[in-house]
Amino acid sequence: MIHFKTILAMSAVAALFAATGQAQSGLVSRGKELTEQVAKCQNCHTPRTATGELDKTAWLKGVASDPSVYIPDITAEGNFWMQWGEKGMLQFLEKGTTPSGARPSVHMPVYKMRHEDAEAIIAYLKSLRK
């Protein structure tokens, strides 16, 4: 027999998990908007098909179009992410420098985002794991 207090506690935990899931979903949505609509990261970090369209099967997976210019995979599965980690990605988005303190290449904008916006982008990039 389950006591009323147990049911009440279980309901509270379920509500907390639901609220956390909704908050995370909102964060990912905000990150997607910032990544795709504001920064337009896909224009450089997504390869194109033979017809010139963005390849949706390789979204933000990087482009190796020229041996001298490599545009990295910025999803949480990419080597770039593995090298920098979340902390390095946050630094890059918030301060405009790599984890070693270097500025980005000439092709990459220097970002100086608010912490909340950088976190939203990180949440979105992490959500792209397959």
C-alpha atoms as a PDB file:
ATOM      1  CA  MET A   1       0.000   0.000   0.000  1.00  0.00           C
ATOM      2  CA  ILE A   2       1.352   3.394  -1.033  1.00  0.00           C
ATOM      3  CA  HIS A   3       0.908   6.213   1.441  1.00  0.00           C
ATOM      4  CA  PHE A   4      -0.429   9.614   0.495  1.00  0.00           C
ATOM      5  CA  LYS A   5       2.905  11.287   1.373  1.00  0.00           C
ATOM      6  CA  THR A   6       4.720   8.920  -0.984  1.00  0.00           C
ATOM      7  CA  ILE A   7       2.329   9.747  -3.824  1.00  0.00           C
ATOM      8  CA  LEU A   8       2.703  13.452  -3.099  1.00  0.00           C
ATOM      9  CA  ALA A   9       6.512  13.186  -3.115  1.00  0.00           C
ATOM     10  CA  MET A  10       6.467  11.191  -6.358  1.00  0.00           C
ATOM     11  CA  SER A  11       4.217  13.804  -7.945  1.00  0.00           C
ATOM     12  CA  ALA A  12       6.564  16.593  -6.875  1.00  0.00           C
ATOM     13  CA  VAL A  13       9.584  14.773  -8.346  1.00  0.00           C
ATOM     14  CA  ALA A  14       7.701  14.123 -11.612  1.00  0.00           C
ATOM     15  CA  ALA A  15       6.717  17.800 -11.832  1.00  0.00           C
ATOM     16  CA  LEU A  16      10.324  18.853 -11.207  1.00  0.00           C
ATOM     17  CA  PHE A  17      11.591  16.565 -13.983  1.00  0.00           C
ATOM     18  CA  ALA A  18       8.894  17.858 -16.356  1.00  0.00           C
ATOM     19  CA  ALA A  19       9.772  21.482 -15.581  1.00  0.00           C
ATOM     20  CA  THR A  20      13.483  20.747 -16.041  1.00  0.00           C
ATOM     21  CA  GLY A  21      12.749  19.068 -19.376  1.00  0.00           C
ATOM     22  CA  GLN A  22      10.663  22.031 -20.517  1.00  0.00           C
ATOM     23  CA  ALA A  23      13.373  24.476 -19.434  1.00  0.00           C
ATOM     24  CA  GLN A  24      16.013  22.444 -21.281  1.00  0.00           C
ATOM     25  CA  SER A  25      13.755  22.285 -24.340  1.00  0.00           C
ATOM     26  CA  GLY A  26      13.356  26.064 -24.208  1.00  0.00           C
ATOM     27  CA  LEU A  27      17.115  26.506 -23.884  1.00  0.00           C
ATOM     28  CA  VAL A  28      17.737  24.261 -26.909  1.00  0.00           C
ATOM     29  CA  SER A  29      15.099  26.165 -28.920  1.00  0.00           C
ATOM     30  CA  ARG A  30      16.721  29.472 -28.017  1.00  0.00           C
ATOM     31  CA  GLY A  31      20.133  28.071 -28.960  1.00  0.00           C
ATOM     32  CA  LYS A  32      18.802  26.826 -32.284  1.00  0.00           C
ATOM     33  CA  GLU A  33      17.384  30.284 -33.022  1.00  0.00           C
ATOM     34  CA  LEU A  34      20.646  32.021 -32.125  1.00  0.00           C
ATOM     35  CA  THR A  35      22.755  29.508 -34.074  1.00  0.00           C
ATOM     36  CA  GLU A  36      20.637  29.364 -37.201  1.00  0.00           C
ATOM     37  CA  GLN A  37      18.773  32.678 -37.408  1.00  0.00           C
ATOM     38  CA  VAL A  38      21.192  35.128 -35.799  1.00  0.00           C
ATOM     39  CA  ALA A  39      24.737  33.781 -36.228  1.00  0.00           C
ATOM     40  CA  LYS A  40      23.814  31.705 -39.310  1.00  0.00           C
ATOM     41  CA  CYS A  41      26.514  29.151 -38.424  1.00  0.00           C
ATOM     42  CA  GLN A  42      25.140  26.644 -40.921  1.00  0.00           C
ATOM     43  CA  ASN A  43      26.175  28.827 -43.867  1.00  0.00           C
ATOM     44  CA  CYS A  44      29.829  27.947 -43.252  1.00  0.00           C
ATOM     45  CA  HIS A  45      29.775  24.869 -40.991  1.00  0.00           C
ATOM     46  CA  THR A  46      27.377  22.771 -43.116  1.00  0.00           C
ATOM     47  CA  PRO A  47      28.470  21.243 -46.430  1.00  0.00           C
ATOM     48  CA  ARG A  48      26.411  21.847 -49.536  1.00  0.00           C
ATOM     49  CA  THR A  49      24.855  19.363 -51.894  1.00  0.00           C
ATOM     50  CA  ALA A  50      25.632  19.229 -55.624  1.00  0.00           C
ATOM     51  CA  THR A  51      22.744  21.652 -56.174  1.00  0.00           C
ATOM     52  CA  GLY A  52      24.136  24.175 -53.680  1.00  0.00           C
ATOM     53  CA  GLU A  53      21.595  23.505 -50.929  1.00  0.00           C
ATOM     54  CA  LEU A  54      22.722  22.996 -47.346  1.00  0.00           C
ATOM     55  CA  ASP A  55      23.156  19.264 -46.680  1.00  0.00           C
ATOM     56  CA  LYS A  56      20.671  18.642 -43.869  1.00  0.00           C
ATOM     57  CA  THR A  57      22.188  15.192 -43.273  1.00  0.00           C
ATOM     58  CA  ALA A  58      25.482  16.840 -42.250  1.00  0.00           C
ATOM     59  CA  TRP A  59      24.108  19.842 -40.346  1.00  0.00           C
ATOM     60  CA  LEU A  60      26.960  21.841 -38.755  1.00  0.00           C
ATOM     61  CA  LYS A  61      29.307  18.867 -39.337  1.00  0.00           C
ATOM     62  CA  GLY A  62      32.072  20.939 -40.901  1.00  0.00           C
ATOM     63  CA  VAL A  63      33.370  21.412 -44.411  1.00  0.00           C
ATOM     64  CA  ALA A  64      36.689  20.363 -45.917  1.00  0.00           C
ATOM     65  CA  SER A  65      36.415  22.180 -49.240  1.00  0.00           C
ATOM     66  CA  ASP A  66      40.019  23.283 -49.522  1.00  0.00           C
ATOM     67  CA  PRO A  67      43.085  21.654 -47.918  1.00  0.00           C
ATOM     68  CA  SER A  68      44.208  25.043 -46.582  1.00  0.00           C
ATOM     69  CA  VAL A  69      40.813  25.941 -45.093  1.00  0.00           C
ATOM     70  CA  TYR A  70      38.980  23.540 -42.811  1.00  0.00           C
ATOM     71  CA  ILE A  71      35.679  24.542 -41.292  1.00  0.00           C
ATOM     72  CA  PRO A  72      35.171  22.300 -38.248  1.00  0.00           C
ATOM     73  CA  ASP A  73      32.281  20.177 -37.071  1.00  0.00           C
ATOM     74  CA  ILE A  74      30.813  22.261 -34.234  1.00  0.00           C
ATOM     75  CA  THR A  75      28.321  19.674 -33.029  1.00  0.00           C
ATOM     76  CA  ALA A  76      29.058  17.962 -29.729  1.00  0.00           C
ATOM     77  CA  GLU A  77      30.279  14.931 -31.709  1.00  0.00           C
ATOM     78  CA  GLY A  78      33.070  16.765 -33.519  1.00  0.00           C
ATOM     79  CA  ASN A  79      36.796  16.719 -32.756  1.00  0.00           C
ATOM     80  CA  PHE A  80      36.681  20.475 -32.349  1.00  0.00           C
ATOM     81  CA  TRP A  81      34.254  20.114 -29.452  1.00  0.00           C
ATOM     82  CA  MET A  82      36.272  17.231 -28.004  1.00  0.00           C
ATOM     83  CA  GLN A  83      39.426  19.390 -27.987  1.00  0.00           C
ATOM     84  CA  TRP A  84      37.855  22.472 -26.429  1.00  0.00           C
ATOM     85  CA  GLY A  85      35.095  21.010 -24.305  1.00  0.00           C
ATOM     86  CA  GLU A  86      32.103  22.941 -23.101  1.00  0.00           C
ATOM     87  CA  LYS A  87      34.207  25.406 -21.125  1.00  0.00           C
ATOM     88  CA  GLY A  88      36.308  26.245 -24.196  1.00  0.00           C
ATOM     89  CA  MET A  89      33.229  26.666 -26.364  1.00  0.00           C
ATOM     90  CA  LEU A  90      31.714  29.019 -23.774  1.00  0.00           C
ATOM     91  CA  GLN A  91      34.925  31.062 -23.690  1.00  0.00           C
ATOM     92  CA  PHE A  92      34.949  31.289 -27.480  1.00  0.00           C
ATOM     93  CA  LEU A  93      31.347  32.498 -27.621  1.00  0.00           C
ATOM     94  CA  GLU A  94      31.598  34.857 -24.636  1.00  0.00           C
ATOM     95  CA  LYS A  95      35.100  36.306 -24.997  1.00  0.00           C
ATOM     96  CA  GLY A  96      35.913  35.748 -28.656  1.00  0.00           C
ATOM     97  CA  THR A  97      39.069  33.752 -27.958  1.00  0.00           C
ATOM     98  CA  THR A  98      40.025  30.096 -28.135  1.00  0.00           C
ATOM     99  CA  PRO A  99      40.882  28.203 -24.942  1.00  0.00           C
ATOM    100  CA  SER A 100      44.574  29.037 -25.582  1.00  0.00           C
ATOM    101  CA  GLY A 101      43.700  32.747 -25.839  1.00  0.00           C
ATOM    102  CA  ALA A 102      44.050  33.014 -29.618  1.00  0.00           C
ATOM    103  CA  ARG A 103      41.633  34.958 -31.768  1.00  0.00           C
ATOM    104  CA  PRO A 104      39.586  33.058 -34.347  1.00  0.00           C
ATOM    105  CA  SER A 105      40.692  32.762 -37.952  1.00  0.00           C
ATOM    106  CA  VAL A 106      39.982  35.702 -40.243  1.00  0.00           C
ATOM    107  CA  HIS A 107      36.920  33.900 -41.624  1.00  0.00           C
ATOM    108  CA  MET A 108      35.273  33.540 -38.226  1.00  0.00           C
ATOM    109  CA  PRO A 109      33.461  36.415 -36.475  1.00  0.00           C
ATOM    110  CA  VAL A 110      34.577  37.358 -32.979  1.00  0.00           C
ATOM    111  CA  TYR A 111      31.654  36.768 -30.646  1.00  0.00           C
ATOM    112  CA  LYS A 112      31.084  38.516 -27.305  1.00  0.00           C
ATOM    113  CA  MET A 113      27.822  36.891 -26.221  1.00  0.00           C
ATOM    114  CA  ARG A 114      25.994  37.061 -22.957  1.00  0.00           C
ATOM    115  CA  HIS A 115      26.524  33.945 -20.851  1.00  0.00           C
ATOM    116  CA  GLU A 116      22.862  32.919 -21.188  1.00  0.00           C
ATOM    117  CA  ASP A 117      23.026  33.084 -24.995  1.00  0.00           C
ATOM    118  CA  ALA A 118      26.290  31.144 -25.135  1.00  0.00           C
ATOM    119  CA  GLU A 119      24.777  28.472 -22.868  1.00  0.00           C
ATOM    120  CA  ALA A 120      21.746  28.226 -25.152  1.00  0.00           C
ATOM    121  CA  ILE A 121      23.953  27.682 -28.202  1.00  0.00           C
ATOM    122  CA  ILE A 122      25.939  25.038 -26.315  1.00  0.00           C
ATOM    123  CA  ALA A 123      22.681  23.267 -25.376  1.00  0.00           C
ATOM    124  CA  TYR A 124      21.596  23.278 -29.021  1.00  0.00           C
ATOM    125  CA  LEU A 125      24.942  21.971 -30.284  1.00  0.00           C
ATOM    126  CA  LYS A 126      24.829  19.213 -27.672  1.00  0.00           C
ATOM    127  CA  SER A 127      21.320  18.280 -28.813  1.00  0.00           C
ATOM    128  CA  LEU A 128      22.640  17.498 -32.311  1.00  0.00           C
ATOM    129  CA  ARG A 129      24.222  14.221 -31.161  1.00  0.00           C
ATOM    130  CA  LYS A 130      22.889  11.301 -33.124  1.00  0.00           C
END
